[in-house]
PDB file of N, CA and C in Angstrom:
ATOM      1  N   MET A   1       4.424  67.985-173.440  1.00  0.00           N
ATOM      2  CA  MET A   1       3.028  68.224-173.160  1.00  0.00           C
ATOM      3  C   MET A   1       2.826  68.302-171.645  1.00  0.00           C
ATOM      4  N   GLY A   2       2.106  69.337-171.155  1.00  0.00           N
ATOM      5  CA  GLY A   2       1.920  69.541-169.725  1.00  0.00           C
ATOM      6  C   GLY A   2       0.772  68.730-169.166  1.00  0.00           C
ATOM      7  N   THR A   3       0.616  68.821-167.858  1.00  0.00           N
ATOM      8  CA  THR A   3      -0.469  68.142-167.165  1.00  0.00           C
ATOM      9  C   THR A   3      -1.783  68.860-167.463  1.00  0.00           C
ATOM     10  N   PRO A   4      -2.859  68.139-167.777  1.00  0.00           N
ATOM     11  CA  PRO A   4      -4.146  68.784-168.055  1.00  0.00           C
ATOM     12  C   PRO A   4      -4.683  69.501-166.811  1.00  0.00           C
ATOM     13  N   SER A   5      -5.292  70.641-167.038  1.00  0.00           N
ATOM     14  CA  SER A   5      -5.920  71.412-165.971  1.00  0.00           C
ATOM     15  C   SER A   5      -7.347  70.920-165.772  1.00  0.00           C
ATOM     16  N   PRO A   6      -7.874  70.998-164.537  1.00  0.00           N
ATOM     17  CA  PRO A   6      -9.280  70.645-164.325  1.00  0.00           C
ATOM     18  C   PRO A   6     -10.211  71.556-165.118  1.00  0.00           C
ATOM     19  N   PHE A   7      -9.723  72.758-165.489  1.00  0.00           N
ATOM     20  CA  PHE A   7     -10.553  73.699-166.229  1.00  0.00           C
ATOM     21  C   PHE A   7     -10.565  73.413-167.726  1.00  0.00           C
ATOM     22  N   ASP A   8      -9.678  72.561-168.223  1.00  0.00           N
ATOM     23  CA  ASP A   8      -9.665  72.219-169.645  1.00  0.00           C
ATOM     24  C   ASP A   8     -11.023  71.670-170.070  1.00  0.00           C
ATOM     25  N   HIS A   9     -11.590  70.811-169.255  1.00  0.00           N
ATOM     26  CA  HIS A   9     -12.895  70.228-169.559  1.00  0.00           C
ATOM     27  C   HIS A   9     -13.990  71.288-169.471  1.00  0.00           C
ATOM     28  N   ALA A  10     -13.921  72.168-168.470  1.00  0.00           N
ATOM     29  CA  ALA A  10     -14.936  73.208-168.283  1.00  0.00           C
ATOM     30  C   ALA A  10     -15.009  74.125-169.494  1.00  0.00           C
ATOM     31  N   GLU A  11     -13.875  74.431-170.105  1.00  0.00           N
ATOM     32  CA  GLU A  11     -13.868  75.310-171.265  1.00  0.00           C
ATOM     33  C   GLU A  11     -14.694  74.730-172.405  1.00  0.00           C
ATOM     34  N   LYS A  12     -14.757  73.435-172.516  1.00  0.00           N
ATOM     35  CA  LYS A  12     -15.512  72.794-173.583  1.00  0.00           C
ATOM     36  C   LYS A  12     -17.013  72.795-173.286  1.00  0.00           C
ATOM     37  N   LEU A  13     -17.377  72.923-172.024  1.00  0.00           N
ATOM     38  CA  LEU A  13     -18.782  72.834-171.633  1.00  0.00           C
ATOM     39  C   LEU A  13     -19.493  74.176-171.583  1.00  0.00           C
ATOM     40  N   VAL A  14     -18.774  75.253-171.301  1.00  0.00           N
ATOM     41  CA  VAL A  14     -19.396  76.558-171.114  1.00  0.00           C
ATOM     42  C   VAL A  14     -18.597  77.634-171.828  1.00  0.00           C
ATOM     43  N   ASP A  15     -19.286  78.742-172.169  1.00  0.00           N
ATOM     44  CA  ASP A  15     -18.562  79.849-172.784  1.00  0.00           C
ATOM     45  C   ASP A  15     -17.845  80.657-171.713  1.00  0.00           C
ATOM     46  N   SER A  16     -17.056  81.642-172.133  1.00  0.00           N
ATOM     47  CA  SER A  16     -16.239  82.392-171.171  1.00  0.00           C
ATOM     48  C   SER A  16     -17.085  83.169-170.174  1.00  0.00           C
ATOM     49  N   THR A  17     -18.246  83.687-170.576  1.00  0.00           N
ATOM     50  CA  THR A  17     -19.110  84.426-169.654  1.00  0.00           C
ATOM     51  C   THR A  17     -19.640  83.497-168.570  1.00  0.00           C
ATOM     52  N   THR A  18     -20.120  82.333-168.952  1.00  0.00           N
ATOM     53  CA  THR A  18     -20.641  81.369-167.986  1.00  0.00           C
ATOM     54  C   THR A  18     -19.528  80.879-167.073  1.00  0.00           C
ATOM     55  N   ARG A  19     -18.363  80.667-167.629  1.00  0.00           N
ATOM     56  CA  ARG A  19     -17.240  80.186-166.822  1.00  0.00           C
ATOM     57  C   ARG A  19     -16.915  81.178-165.710  1.00  0.00           C
ATOM     58  N   TRP A  20     -16.938  82.466-166.014  1.00  0.00           N
ATOM     59  CA  TRP A  20     -16.678  83.485-164.993  1.00  0.00           C
ATOM     60  C   TRP A  20     -17.729  83.402-163.896  1.00  0.00           C
ATOM     61  N   ARG A  21     -18.970  83.124-164.252  1.00  0.00           N
ATOM     62  CA  ARG A  21     -20.067  83.043-163.289  1.00  0.00           C
ATOM     63  C   ARG A  21     -19.903  81.867-162.333  1.00  0.00           C
ATOM     64  N   LEU A  22     -19.034  80.932-162.619  1.00  0.00           N
ATOM     65  CA  LEU A  22     -18.840  79.798-161.723  1.00  0.00           C
ATOM     66  C   LEU A  22     -18.392  80.233-160.337  1.00  0.00           C
ATOM     67  N   GLU A  23     -17.831  81.417-160.207  1.00  0.00           N
ATOM     68  CA  GLU A  23     -17.323  81.905-158.928  1.00  0.00           C
ATOM     69  C   GLU A  23     -18.130  83.078-158.381  1.00  0.00           C
ATOM     70  N   SER A  24     -19.343  83.305-158.854  1.00  0.00           N
ATOM     71  CA  SER A  24     -20.128  84.475-158.477  1.00  0.00           C
ATOM     72  C   SER A  24     -21.053  84.190-157.292  1.00  0.00           C
ATOM     73  N   GLU A  25     -20.941  85.014-156.246  1.00  0.00           N
ATOM     74  CA  GLU A  25     -21.825  84.913-155.085  1.00  0.00           C
ATOM     75  C   GLU A  25     -23.006  85.848-155.312  1.00  0.00           C
ATOM     76  N   ASP A  26     -24.212  85.298-155.310  1.00  0.00           N
ATOM     77  CA  ASP A  26     -25.410  86.081-155.587  1.00  0.00           C
ATOM     78  C   ASP A  26     -26.146  86.539-154.334  1.00  0.00           C
ATOM     79  N   LEU A  27     -26.075  85.746-153.282  1.00  0.00           N
ATOM     80  CA  LEU A  27     -26.835  86.004-152.059  1.00  0.00           C
ATOM     81  C   LEU A  27     -25.952  85.702-150.859  1.00  0.00           C
ATOM     82  N   HIS A  28     -25.889  86.657-149.938  1.00  0.00           N
ATOM     83  CA  HIS A  28     -25.118  86.461-148.707  1.00  0.00           C
ATOM     84  C   HIS A  28     -26.045  86.768-147.534  1.00  0.00           C
ATOM     85  N   ILE A  29     -26.155  85.822-146.595  1.00  0.00           N
ATOM     86  CA  ILE A  29     -27.022  85.969-145.419  1.00  0.00           C
ATOM     87  C   ILE A  29     -26.166  85.822-144.173  1.00  0.00           C
ATOM     88  N   ARG A  30     -26.377  86.726-143.199  1.00  0.00           N
ATOM     89  CA  ARG A  30     -25.547  86.704-141.993  1.00  0.00           C
ATOM     90  C   ARG A  30     -26.391  87.054-140.761  1.00  0.00           C
ATOM     91  N   ASN A  31     -26.232  86.258-139.698  1.00  0.00           N
ATOM     92  CA  ASN A  31     -26.865  86.525-138.405  1.00  0.00           C
ATOM     93  C   ASN A  31     -25.771  86.966-137.435  1.00  0.00           C
ATOM     94  N   HIS A  32     -25.790  88.236-137.057  1.00  0.00           N
ATOM     95  CA  HIS A  32     -24.788  88.765-136.130  1.00  0.00           C
ATOM     96  C   HIS A  32     -25.133  88.475-134.664  1.00  0.00           C
ATOM     97  N   ASP A  33     -26.379  88.108-134.394  1.00  0.00           N
ATOM     98  CA  ASP A  33     -26.793  87.880-133.011  1.00  0.00           C
ATOM     99  C   ASP A  33     -26.106  86.633-132.447  1.00  0.00           C
ATOM    100  N   GLN A  34     -25.567  86.763-131.253  1.00  0.00           N
ATOM    101  CA  GLN A  34     -24.789  85.693-130.625  1.00  0.00           C
ATOM    102  C   GLN A  34     -25.640  84.616-129.958  1.00  0.00           C
ATOM    103  N   THR A  35     -26.897  84.931-129.627  1.00  0.00           N
ATOM    104  CA  THR A  35     -27.711  83.960-128.892  1.00  0.00           C
ATOM    105  C   THR A  35     -29.032  83.610-129.566  1.00  0.00           C
ATOM    106  N   ALA A  36     -29.463  84.389-130.547  1.00  0.00           N
ATOM    107  CA  ALA A  36     -30.777  84.164-131.168  1.00  0.00           C
ATOM    108  C   ALA A  36     -30.649  83.486-132.530  1.00  0.00           C
ATOM    109  N   GLU A  37     -31.600  82.600-132.815  1.00  0.00           N
ATOM    110  CA  GLU A  37     -31.676  81.995-134.137  1.00  0.00           C
ATOM    111  C   GLU A  37     -32.961  82.469-134.803  1.00  0.00           C
ATOM    112  N   TYR A  38     -32.983  82.471-136.133  1.00  0.00           N
ATOM    113  CA  TYR A  38     -34.095  83.057-136.877  1.00  0.00           C
ATOM    114  C   TYR A  38     -34.469  82.202-138.076  1.00  0.00           C
ATOM    115  N   ASP A  39     -35.750  82.280-138.431  1.00  0.00           N
ATOM    116  CA  ASP A  39     -36.234  81.742-139.695  1.00  0.00           C
ATOM    117  C   ASP A  39     -36.395  82.927-140.643  1.00  0.00           C
ATOM    118  N   ILE A  40     -35.753  82.849-141.793  1.00  0.00           N
ATOM    119  CA  ILE A  40     -35.811  83.923-142.783  1.00  0.00           C
ATOM    120  C   ILE A  40     -36.654  83.446-143.958  1.00  0.00           C
ATOM    121  N   GLN A  41     -37.679  84.220-144.286  1.00  0.00           N
ATOM    122  CA  GLN A  41     -38.486  83.946-145.460  1.00  0.00           C
ATOM    123  C   GLN A  41     -37.952  84.853-146.576  1.00  0.00           C
ATOM    124  N   LEU A  42     -37.630  84.272-147.723  1.00  0.00           N
ATOM    125  CA  LEU A  42     -36.981  85.025-148.790  1.00  0.00           C
ATOM    126  C   LEU A  42     -37.609  84.698-150.139  1.00  0.00           C
ATOM    127  N   ARG A  43     -37.883  85.753-150.887  1.00  0.00           N
ATOM    128  CA  ARG A  43     -38.431  85.613-152.244  1.00  0.00           C
ATOM    129  C   ARG A  43     -37.677  86.579-153.150  1.00  0.00           C
ATOM    130  N   ILE A  44     -37.218  86.090-154.299  1.00  0.00           N
ATOM    131  CA  ILE A  44     -36.487  86.913-155.260  1.00  0.00           C
ATOM    132  C   ILE A  44     -37.236  86.853-156.584  1.00  0.00           C
ATOM    133  N   GLU A  45     -37.597  88.040-157.103  1.00  0.00           N
ATOM    134  CA  GLU A  45     -38.394  88.132-158.322  1.00  0.00           C
ATOM    135  C   GLU A  45     -37.719  89.048-159.340  1.00  0.00           C
ATOM    136  N   GLN A  46     -38.091  88.851-160.598  1.00  0.00           N
ATOM    137  CA  GLN A  46     -37.637  89.738-161.663  1.00  0.00           C
ATOM    138  C   GLN A  46     -38.715  89.746-162.743  1.00  0.00           C
ATOM    139  N   GLY A  47     -39.247  90.924-163.024  1.00  0.00           N
ATOM    140  CA  GLY A  47     -40.251  91.048-164.078  1.00  0.00           C
ATOM    141  C   GLY A  47     -41.475  90.175-163.871  1.00  0.00           C
ATOM    142  N   GLY A  48     -41.885  89.982-162.634  1.00  0.00           N
ATOM    143  CA  GLY A  48     -43.057  89.166-162.338  1.00  0.00           C
ATOM    144  C   GLY A  48     -42.781  87.672-162.204  1.00  0.00           C
ATOM    145  N   ASP A  49     -41.574  87.245-162.555  1.00  0.00           N
ATOM    146  CA  ASP A  49     -41.200  85.835-162.411  1.00  0.00           C
ATOM    147  C   ASP A  49     -40.475  85.612-161.090  1.00  0.00           C
ATOM    148  N   VAL A  50     -40.776  84.509-160.424  1.00  0.00           N
ATOM    149  CA  VAL A  50     -40.125  84.167-159.159  1.00  0.00           C
ATOM    150  C   VAL A  50     -38.905  83.302-159.465  1.00  0.00           C
ATOM    151  N   TYR A  51     -37.735  83.736-158.980  1.00  0.00           N
ATOM    152  CA  TYR A  51     -36.497  83.003-159.211  1.00  0.00           C
ATOM    153  C   TYR A  51     -36.025  82.223-157.988  1.00  0.00           C
ATOM    154  N   HIS A  52     -36.484  82.613-156.813  1.00  0.00           N
ATOM    155  CA  HIS A  52     -36.073  81.924-155.586  1.00  0.00           C
ATOM    156  C   HIS A  52     -37.127  82.226-154.533  1.00  0.00           C
ATOM    157  N   ASP A  53     -37.681  81.210-153.921  1.00  0.00           N
ATOM    158  CA  ASP A  53     -38.707  81.380-152.891  1.00  0.00           C
ATOM    159  C   ASP A  53     -38.482  80.281-151.865  1.00  0.00           C
ATOM    160  N   THR A  54     -37.910  80.656-150.717  1.00  0.00           N
ATOM    161  CA  THR A  54     -37.521  79.634-149.747  1.00  0.00           C
ATOM    162  C   THR A  54     -37.461  80.210-148.342  1.00  0.00           C
ATOM    163  N   GLU A  55     -37.162  79.349-147.397  1.00  0.00           N
ATOM    164  CA  GLU A  55     -36.967  79.759-146.004  1.00  0.00           C
ATOM    165  C   GLU A  55     -35.634  79.193-145.523  1.00  0.00           C
ATOM    166  N   TYR A  56     -34.875  80.039-144.838  1.00  0.00           N
ATOM    167  CA  TYR A  56     -33.598  79.626-144.253  1.00  0.00           C
ATOM    168  C   TYR A  56     -33.711  79.683-142.739  1.00  0.00           C
ATOM    169  N   HIS A  57     -33.050  78.776-142.053  1.00  0.00           N
ATOM    170  CA  HIS A  57     -32.968  78.802-140.592  1.00  0.00           C
ATOM    171  C   HIS A  57     -31.522  79.110-140.223  1.00  0.00           C
ATOM    172  N   LEU A  58     -31.315  80.260-139.577  1.00  0.00           N
ATOM    173  CA  LEU A  58     -29.961  80.665-139.192  1.00  0.00           C
ATOM    174  C   LEU A  58     -29.759  80.504-137.699  1.00  0.00           C
ATOM    175  N   LEU A  59     -28.702  79.827-137.334  1.00  0.00           N
ATOM    176  CA  LEU A  59     -28.296  79.684-135.940  1.00  0.00           C
ATOM    177  C   LEU A  59     -27.570  80.949-135.495  1.00  0.00           C
ATOM    178  N   PRO A  60     -27.343  81.122-134.182  1.00  0.00           N
ATOM    179  CA  PRO A  60     -26.606  82.297-133.716  1.00  0.00           C
ATOM    180  C   PRO A  60     -25.246  82.415-134.409  1.00  0.00           C
ATOM    181  N   ASP A  61     -24.922  83.626-134.834  1.00  0.00           N
ATOM    182  CA  ASP A  61     -23.628  83.963-135.441  1.00  0.00           C
ATOM    183  C   ASP A  61     -23.326  83.136-136.696  1.00  0.00           C
ATOM    184  N   GLN A  62     -24.350  82.711-137.405  1.00  0.00           N
ATOM    185  CA  GLN A  62     -24.158  81.895-138.610  1.00  0.00           C
ATOM    186  C   GLN A  62     -24.283  82.757-139.860  1.00  0.00           C
ATOM    187  N   ALA A  63     -23.522  82.402-140.887  1.00  0.00           N
ATOM    188  CA  ALA A  63     -23.594  83.076-142.180  1.00  0.00           C
ATOM    189  C   ALA A  63     -23.556  82.031-143.279  1.00  0.00           C
ATOM    190  N   GLY A  64     -24.049  82.406-144.436  1.00  0.00           N
ATOM    191  CA  GLY A  64     -24.006  81.512-145.579  1.00  0.00           C
ATOM    192  C   GLY A  64     -24.214  82.283-146.861  1.00  0.00           C
ATOM    193  N   CYS A  65     -23.947  81.635-147.969  1.00  0.00           N
ATOM    194  CA  CYS A  65     -24.124  82.294-149.257  1.00  0.00           C
ATOM    195  C   CYS A  65     -24.562  81.280-150.302  1.00  0.00           C
ATOM    196  N   THR A  66     -25.070  81.804-151.411  1.00  0.00           N
ATOM    197  CA  THR A  66     -25.382  80.971-152.559  1.00  0.00           C
ATOM    198  C   THR A  66     -24.542  81.447-153.731  1.00  0.00           C
ATOM    199  N   VAL A  67     -24.151  80.516-154.555  1.00  0.00           N
ATOM    200  CA  VAL A  67     -23.344  80.815-155.730  1.00  0.00           C
ATOM    201  C   VAL A  67     -24.118  80.342-156.954  1.00  0.00           C
ATOM    202  N   ASN A  68     -24.131  81.171-157.992  1.00  0.00           N
ATOM    203  CA  ASN A  68     -24.786  80.832-159.262  1.00  0.00           C
ATOM    204  C   ASN A  68     -26.295  80.650-159.139  1.00  0.00           C
ATOM    205  N   LEU A  69     -26.900  81.328-158.194  1.00  0.00           N
ATOM    206  CA  LEU A  69     -28.348  81.255-158.031  1.00  0.00           C
ATOM    207  C   LEU A  69     -29.061  82.050-159.125  1.00  0.00           C
ATOM    208  N   LEU A  70     -28.501  83.209-159.497  1.00  0.00           N
ATOM    209  CA  LEU A  70     -29.158  84.143-160.409  1.00  0.00           C
ATOM    210  C   LEU A  70     -28.240  84.565-161.547  1.00  0.00           C
ATOM    211  N   GLN A  71     -28.843  84.931-162.655  1.00  0.00           N
ATOM    212  CA  GLN A  71     -28.103  85.552-163.749  1.00  0.00           C
ATOM    213  C   GLN A  71     -27.958  87.046-163.438  1.00  0.00           C
ATOM    214  N   PRO A  72     -26.980  87.729-164.020  1.00  0.00           N
ATOM    215  CA  PRO A  72     -26.842  89.167-163.776  1.00  0.00           C
ATOM    216  C   PRO A  72     -28.131  89.902-164.138  1.00  0.00           C
ATOM    217  N   GLY A  73     -28.496  90.888-163.313  1.00  0.00           N
ATOM    218  CA  GLY A  73     -29.694  91.674-163.573  1.00  0.00           C
ATOM    219  C   GLY A  73     -30.222  92.315-162.309  1.00  0.00           C
ATOM    220  N   GLU A  74     -31.341  93.007-162.454  1.00  0.00           N
ATOM    221  CA  GLU A  74     -31.975  93.701-161.337  1.00  0.00           C
ATOM    222  C   GLU A  74     -33.116  92.828-160.805  1.00  0.00           C
ATOM    223  N   TYR A  75     -33.132  92.627-159.494  1.00  0.00           N
ATOM    224  CA  TYR A  75     -34.119  91.757-158.855  1.00  0.00           C
ATOM    225  C   TYR A  75     -34.818  92.481-157.707  1.00  0.00           C
ATOM    226  N   THR A  76     -36.068  92.131-157.491  1.00  0.00           N
ATOM    227  CA  THR A  76     -36.797  92.589-156.317  1.00  0.00           C
ATOM    228  C   THR A  76     -36.674  91.497-155.266  1.00  0.00           C
ATOM    229  N   VAL A  77     -36.205  91.888-154.086  1.00  0.00           N
ATOM    230  CA  VAL A  77     -35.976  90.942-152.996  1.00  0.00           C
ATOM    231  C   VAL A  77     -36.954  91.264-151.874  1.00  0.00           C
ATOM    232  N   ILE A  78     -37.711  90.270-151.439  1.00  0.00           N
ATOM    233  CA  ILE A  78     -38.669  90.422-150.345  1.00  0.00           C
ATOM    234  C   ILE A  78     -38.241  89.460-149.246  1.00  0.00           C
ATOM    235  N   ALA A  79     -37.989  89.993-148.052  1.00  0.00           N
ATOM    236  CA  ALA A  79     -37.494  89.148-146.963  1.00  0.00           C
ATOM    237  C   ALA A  79     -38.133  89.539-145.639  1.00  0.00           C
ATOM    238  N   SER A  80     -38.292  88.542-144.773  1.00  0.00           N
ATOM    239  CA  SER A  80     -38.763  88.792-143.408  1.00  0.00           C
ATOM    240  C   SER A  80     -38.138  87.751-142.490  1.00  0.00           C
ATOM    241  N   ILE A  81     -38.120  88.070-141.197  1.00  0.00           N
ATOM    242  CA  ILE A  81     -37.642  87.097-140.216  1.00  0.00           C
ATOM    243  C   ILE A  81     -38.806  86.709-139.319  1.00  0.00           C
ATOM    244  N   ASP A  82     -38.902  85.416-139.063  1.00  0.00           N
ATOM    245  CA  ASP A  82     -39.935  84.866-138.179  1.00  0.00           C
ATOM    246  C   ASP A  82     -41.329  85.379-138.522  1.00  0.00           C
ATOM    247  N   ASP A  83     -41.630  85.449-139.830  1.00  0.00           N
ATOM    248  CA  ASP A  83     -42.943  85.853-140.349  1.00  0.00           C
ATOM    249  C   ASP A  83     -43.382  87.243-139.907  1.00  0.00           C
ATOM    250  N   THR A  84     -42.431  88.165-139.698  1.00  0.00           N
ATOM    251  CA  THR A  84     -42.778  89.553-139.383  1.00  0.00           C
ATOM    252  C   THR A  84     -43.035  90.301-140.690  1.00  0.00           C
ATOM    253  N   VAL A  85     -43.285  91.599-140.596  1.00  0.00           N
ATOM    254  CA  VAL A  85     -43.526  92.418-141.780  1.00  0.00           C
ATOM    255  C   VAL A  85     -42.313  92.345-142.705  1.00  0.00           C
ATOM    256  N   ALA A  86     -42.570  92.096-143.974  1.00  0.00           N
ATOM    257  CA  ALA A  86     -41.485  91.919-144.947  1.00  0.00           C
ATOM    258  C   ALA A  86     -40.858  93.251-145.342  1.00  0.00           C
ATOM    259  N   LYS A  87     -39.569  93.187-145.658  1.00  0.00           N
ATOM    260  CA  LYS A  87     -38.849  94.325-146.221  1.00  0.00           C
ATOM    261  C   LYS A  87     -38.585  94.008-147.683  1.00  0.00           C
ATOM    262  N   THR A  88     -38.592  95.052-148.507  1.00  0.00           N
ATOM    263  CA  THR A  88     -38.386  94.886-149.940  1.00  0.00           C
ATOM    264  C   THR A  88     -37.272  95.804-150.406  1.00  0.00           C
ATOM    265  N   ALA A  89     -36.440  95.303-151.311  1.00  0.00           N
ATOM    266  CA  ALA A  89     -35.374  96.111-151.910  1.00  0.00           C
ATOM    267  C   ALA A  89     -35.182  95.672-153.354  1.00  0.00           C
ATOM    268  N   VAL A  90     -34.777  96.617-154.184  1.00  0.00           N
ATOM    269  CA  VAL A  90     -34.398  96.302-155.556  1.00  0.00           C
ATOM    270  C   VAL A  90     -32.879  96.266-155.583  1.00  0.00           C
ATOM    271  N   VAL A  91     -32.324  95.133-156.016  1.00  0.00           N
ATOM    272  CA  VAL A  91     -30.879  94.905-155.937  1.00  0.00           C
ATOM    273  C   VAL A  91     -30.354  94.464-157.299  1.00  0.00           C
ATOM    274  N   GLU A  92     -29.224  95.039-157.690  1.00  0.00           N
ATOM    275  CA  GLU A  92     -28.531  94.626-158.913  1.00  0.00           C
ATOM    276  C   GLU A  92     -27.588  93.483-158.555  1.00  0.00           C
ATOM    277  N   VAL A  93     -27.657  92.393-159.305  1.00  0.00           N
ATOM    278  CA  VAL A  93     -26.795  91.234-159.090  1.00  0.00           C
ATOM    279  C   VAL A  93     -25.871  91.089-160.297  1.00  0.00           C
ATOM    280  N   SER A  94     -24.580  90.923-160.015  1.00  0.00           N
ATOM    281  CA  SER A  94     -23.608  90.688-161.089  1.00  0.00           C
ATOM    282  C   SER A  94     -22.402  89.964-160.500  1.00  0.00           C
ATOM    283  N   ASP A  95     -21.340  89.855-161.283  1.00  0.00           N
ATOM    284  CA  ASP A  95     -20.108  89.234-160.804  1.00  0.00           C
ATOM    285  C   ASP A  95     -19.362  90.125-159.821  1.00  0.00           C
ATOM    286  N   ASP A  96     -19.731  91.393-159.744  1.00  0.00           N
ATOM    287  CA  ASP A  96     -19.093  92.358-158.852  1.00  0.00           C
ATOM    288  C   ASP A  96     -19.567  92.109-157.415  1.00  0.00           C
ATOM    289  N   PRO A  97     -18.661  91.968-156.444  1.00  0.00           N
ATOM    290  CA  PRO A  97     -19.072  91.747-155.046  1.00  0.00           C
ATOM    291  C   PRO A  97     -19.965  92.862-154.486  1.00  0.00           C
ATOM    292  N   ASP A  98     -19.866  94.060-155.078  1.00  0.00           N
ATOM    293  CA  ASP A  98     -20.726  95.157-154.637  1.00  0.00           C
ATOM    294  C   ASP A  98     -22.149  95.010-155.155  1.00  0.00           C
ATOM    295  N   GLN A  99     -22.380  94.028-156.013  1.00  0.00           N
ATOM    296  CA  GLN A  99     -23.711  93.788-156.559  1.00  0.00           C
ATOM    297  C   GLN A  99     -24.160  92.368-156.210  1.00  0.00           C
ATOM    298  N   THR A 100     -24.325  92.182-154.913  1.00  0.00           N
ATOM    299  CA  THR A 100     -24.761  90.917-154.330  1.00  0.00           C
ATOM    300  C   THR A 100     -25.923  91.213-153.392  1.00  0.00           C
ATOM    301  N   ILE A 101     -26.892  90.342-153.312  1.00  0.00           N
ATOM    302  CA  ILE A 101     -27.972  90.514-152.335  1.00  0.00           C
ATOM    303  C   ILE A 101     -27.384  90.227-150.962  1.00  0.00           C
ATOM    304  N   PHE A 102     -27.467  91.216-150.077  1.00  0.00           N
ATOM    305  CA  PHE A 102     -26.892  91.082-148.735  1.00  0.00           C
ATOM    306  C   PHE A 102     -28.004  91.237-147.712  1.00  0.00           C
ATOM    307  N   LEU A 103     -28.241  90.177-146.962  1.00  0.00           N
ATOM    308  CA  LEU A 103     -29.284  90.147-145.953  1.00  0.00           C
ATOM    309  C   LEU A 103     -28.627  89.838-144.616  1.00  0.00           C
ATOM    310  N   GLU A 104     -28.797  90.731-143.647  1.00  0.00           N
ATOM    311  CA  GLU A 104     -28.181  90.488-142.341  1.00  0.00           C
ATOM    312  C   GLU A 104     -29.154  90.805-141.221  1.00  0.00           C
ATOM    313  N   ILE A 105     -28.939  90.122-140.095  1.00  0.00           N
ATOM    314  CA  ILE A 105     -29.741  90.335-138.893  1.00  0.00           C
ATOM    315  C   ILE A 105     -28.802  90.767-137.781  1.00  0.00           C
ATOM    316  N   SER A 106     -29.177  91.861-137.130  1.00  0.00           N
ATOM    317  CA  SER A 106     -28.408  92.365-136.000  1.00  0.00           C
ATOM    318  C   SER A 106     -29.380  92.894-134.957  1.00  0.00           C
ATOM    319  N   ASN A 107     -29.264  92.410-133.726  1.00  0.00           N
ATOM    320  CA  ASN A 107     -30.164  92.799-132.636  1.00  0.00           C
ATOM    321  C   ASN A 107     -31.630  92.575-133.003  1.00  0.00           C
ATOM    322  N   GLY A 108     -31.897  91.479-133.697  1.00  0.00           N
ATOM    323  CA  GLY A 108     -33.265  91.136-134.057  1.00  0.00           C
ATOM    324  C   GLY A 108     -33.837  91.928-135.211  1.00  0.00           C
ATOM    325  N   GLU A 109     -33.052  92.793-135.817  1.00  0.00           N
ATOM    326  CA  GLU A 109     -33.501  93.654-136.915  1.00  0.00           C
ATOM    327  C   GLU A 109     -32.947  93.148-138.242  1.00  0.00           C
ATOM    328  N   LEU A 110     -33.806  93.048-139.241  1.00  0.00           N
ATOM    329  CA  LEU A 110     -33.413  92.599-140.571  1.00  0.00           C
ATOM    330  C   LEU A 110     -32.958  93.787-141.413  1.00  0.00           C
ATOM    331  N   HIS A 111     -31.812  93.644-142.064  1.00  0.00           N
ATOM    332  CA  HIS A 111     -31.285  94.663-142.974  1.00  0.00           C
ATOM    333  C   HIS A 111     -31.082  94.004-144.331  1.00  0.00           C
ATOM    334  N   LEU A 112     -31.564  94.653-145.366  1.00  0.00           N
ATOM    335  CA  LEU A 112     -31.508  94.127-146.721  1.00  0.00           C
ATOM    336  C   LEU A 112     -30.860  95.175-147.608  1.00  0.00           C
ATOM    337  N   SER A 113     -29.768  94.807-148.285  1.00  0.00           N
ATOM    338  CA  SER A 113     -29.057  95.793-149.096  1.00  0.00           C
ATOM    339  C   SER A 113     -28.342  95.126-150.262  1.00  0.00           C
ATOM    340  N   GLU A 114     -27.670  95.954-151.037  1.00  0.00           N
ATOM    341  CA  GLU A 114     -26.881  95.492-152.177  1.00  0.00           C
ATOM    342  C   GLU A 114     -25.408  95.579-151.822  1.00  0.00           C
ATOM    343  N   GLY A 115     -24.685  94.490-151.974  1.00  0.00           N
ATOM    344  CA  GLY A 115     -23.248  94.485-151.716  1.00  0.00           C
ATOM    345  C   GLY A 115     -22.903  93.975-150.332  1.00  0.00           C
ATOM    346  N   VAL A 116     -21.921  93.094-150.267  1.00  0.00           N
ATOM    347  CA  VAL A 116     -21.459  92.549-148.988  1.00  0.00           C
ATOM    348  C   VAL A 116     -20.639  93.602-148.273  1.00  0.00           C
ATOM    349  N   GLU A 117     -20.978  93.834-147.011  1.00  0.00           N
ATOM    350  CA  GLU A 117     -20.277  94.857-146.224  1.00  0.00           C
ATOM    351  C   GLU A 117     -19.276  94.225-145.292  1.00  0.00           C
TER     352      GLU A 117
END
């Protein structure tokens, strides 16, 4: 009999689809500016329901991501930096890295897209 895997227990708790989602990145945020920090206001909606509504503070050259924030599907993403005019995008989220909410700041400009670049 072999050594038990840490995943042996996980298999009993979740189905195979959910287990795959354990490694899914849903949101990636990146600040390319070397000297400026920003407050990002972010809201993620689907079918009129709000799934994520928060503010992030990014230091110069900082990046971060969230894992397992959303189920696969199409979401409306509304984002702004430092309470400026918001940008909106419709983004497909799934286990595929090309279907991740990608929000980046470069030279003080907010870019919102689908897929990590």
